[in-house]
Amino acid sequence: MEIKLAESNVNNSVKLEGSLTVERAAELKSVLVESLSRMDRLHLVFENVTEVDISFLQLLCAAHHTAARKKKKLTLDGHRPELLRSAVAEAGFVRQEGCAIDVREICIWKEGWS
């Protein structure tokens, strides 16, 4: 997986590519933690995703919770590769309502997965 951080005045984004699995979990966690510590808004972009597992989905959820607690915003690109959409659906992450911390109704699992 290649992780690219692209900062600009308009959008702070991290591009995720390749295998998004437990083998890369530590690397991804590090990038998300650092990015959220420096930015108030973080946008994740997915390109050329070849593999996704539940560890990646759990990291996304944890990053979103961290952002919400810190009053920051984590968003996902509207283009979501089929592999990612399938993994989200198969793991049961798609939601109609957000979790308990989702007081602003910003849950990343609520839309764009079908």
Protein backbone atom coordinates (compact mmCIF):
# COMPACT_ATOMS: atom_id res chain seq x y z
CA MET A 1 0.00 0.00 0.00
CA GLU A 2 1.27 3.40 -0.82
CA ILE A 3 0.16 6.22 1.43
CA LYS A 4 0.48 9.74 0.13
CA LEU A 5 -0.27 12.83 2.17
CA ALA A 6 -1.40 15.75 0.06
CA GLU A 7 -1.97 18.94 2.02
CA SER A 8 -3.50 22.05 0.53
CA ASN A 9 -5.56 25.01 1.67
CA VAL A 10 -8.67 23.44 0.18
CA ASN A 11 -8.40 19.80 1.18
CA ASN A 12 -6.04 17.79 3.35
CA SER A 13 -6.09 14.29 1.94
CA VAL A 14 -4.41 10.95 2.29
CA LYS A 15 -4.42 8.66 -0.73
CA LEU A 16 -4.55 4.94 0.07
CA GLU A 17 -3.53 2.40 -2.55
CA GLY A 18 -2.92 -1.33 -2.81
CA SER A 19 -3.47 -3.82 -0.02
CA LEU A 20 -5.39 -2.44 2.98
CA THR A 21 -4.91 -5.35 5.37
CA VAL A 22 -3.57 -6.26 8.78
CA GLU A 23 -0.03 -6.46 7.39
CA ARG A 24 -0.18 -2.68 6.83
CA ALA A 25 -2.25 -1.78 9.90
CA ALA A 26 0.62 -0.24 11.89
CA GLU A 27 1.68 1.91 8.94
CA LEU A 28 -1.86 3.11 8.29
CA LYS A 29 -2.52 3.80 11.97
CA SER A 30 0.62 5.89 12.18
CA VAL A 31 -0.38 7.99 9.17
CA LEU A 32 -3.94 8.50 10.45
CA VAL A 33 -2.81 9.45 13.96
CA GLU A 34 -0.23 11.93 12.66
CA SER A 35 -2.59 13.40 10.08
CA LEU A 36 -5.39 13.90 12.61
CA SER A 37 -2.98 15.49 15.07
CA ARG A 38 -1.98 18.12 12.48
CA MET A 39 -5.22 18.69 10.57
CA ASP A 40 -8.77 19.68 11.47
CA ARG A 41 -10.14 18.11 8.29
CA LEU A 42 -8.84 14.90 6.74
CA HIS A 43 -10.15 13.38 3.50
CA LEU A 44 -9.28 9.78 2.56
CA VAL A 45 -9.00 8.90 -1.13
CA PHE A 46 -8.89 5.31 -2.41
CA GLU A 47 -7.06 4.35 -5.62
CA ASN A 48 -6.04 0.98 -7.04
CA VAL A 49 -7.15 -0.92 -3.93
CA THR A 50 -6.22 -4.59 -4.32
CA GLU A 51 -7.27 -6.06 -0.97
CA VAL A 52 -9.24 -5.02 2.14
CA ASP A 53 -9.76 -6.79 5.46
CA ILE A 54 -11.61 -6.04 8.67
CA SER A 55 -8.53 -4.62 10.40
CA PHE A 56 -8.57 -1.75 7.92
CA LEU A 57 -12.28 -1.13 8.53
CA GLN A 58 -11.68 -1.09 12.29
CA LEU A 59 -8.88 1.45 11.84
CA LEU A 60 -11.19 3.68 9.79
CA CYS A 61 -13.83 3.47 12.48
CA ALA A 62 -11.31 4.25 15.23
CA ALA A 63 -9.92 7.19 13.24
CA HIS A 64 -13.43 8.54 12.76
CA HIS A 65 -14.15 8.23 16.49
CA THR A 66 -10.89 10.03 17.29
CA ALA A 67 -11.71 12.81 14.85
CA ALA A 68 -15.22 13.23 16.28
CA ARG A 69 -13.95 13.36 19.87
CA LYS A 70 -11.41 16.02 18.88
CA LYS A 71 -14.08 17.98 16.97
CA LYS A 72 -12.27 17.31 13.70
CA LYS A 73 -13.67 15.95 10.46
CA LEU A 74 -12.72 12.72 8.70
CA THR A 75 -14.35 12.11 5.32
CA LEU A 76 -14.09 9.38 2.71
CA ASP A 77 -13.90 9.95 -1.00
CA GLY A 78 -17.14 9.36 -2.88
CA HIS A 79 -15.33 6.94 -5.21
CA ARG A 80 -15.16 3.75 -3.20
CA PRO A 81 -13.65 0.73 -4.95
CA GLU A 82 -15.81 -2.38 -5.21
CA LEU A 83 -13.38 -4.33 -3.00
CA LEU A 84 -13.84 -1.77 -0.25
CA ARG A 85 -17.64 -1.62 -0.62
CA SER A 86 -17.83 -5.42 -0.51
CA ALA A 87 -15.64 -5.63 2.60
CA VAL A 88 -17.78 -3.04 4.38
CA ALA A 89 -21.00 -4.88 3.52
CA GLU A 90 -19.66 -8.36 4.34
CA ALA A 91 -18.31 -7.20 7.71
CA GLY A 92 -21.67 -5.67 8.60
CA PHE A 93 -20.39 -2.11 8.92
CA VAL A 94 -23.13 -0.45 6.83
CA ARG A 95 -25.47 1.43 9.16
CA GLN A 96 -28.76 3.26 9.00
CA GLU A 97 -27.90 5.22 12.15
CA GLY A 98 -24.57 6.27 13.57
CA CYS A 99 -23.01 5.00 16.77
CA ALA A 100 -23.31 6.58 20.23
CA ILE A 101 -20.61 9.18 19.52
CA ASP A 102 -22.22 10.14 16.22
CA VAL A 103 -24.12 13.08 17.72
CA ARG A 104 -23.58 15.20 14.61
CA GLU A 105 -24.77 12.37 12.32
CA ILE A 106 -21.49 12.08 10.46
CA CYS A 107 -21.01 8.30 10.62
CA ILE A 108 -18.77 7.12 7.78
CA TRP A 109 -20.73 3.88 7.44
CA LYS A 110 -24.14 5.48 6.79
CA GLU A 111 -23.99 6.25 3.08
CA GLY A 112 -22.19 5.54 -0.17
CA TRP A 113 -21.67 1.83 0.33
CA SER A 114 -24.28 0.32 -1.97
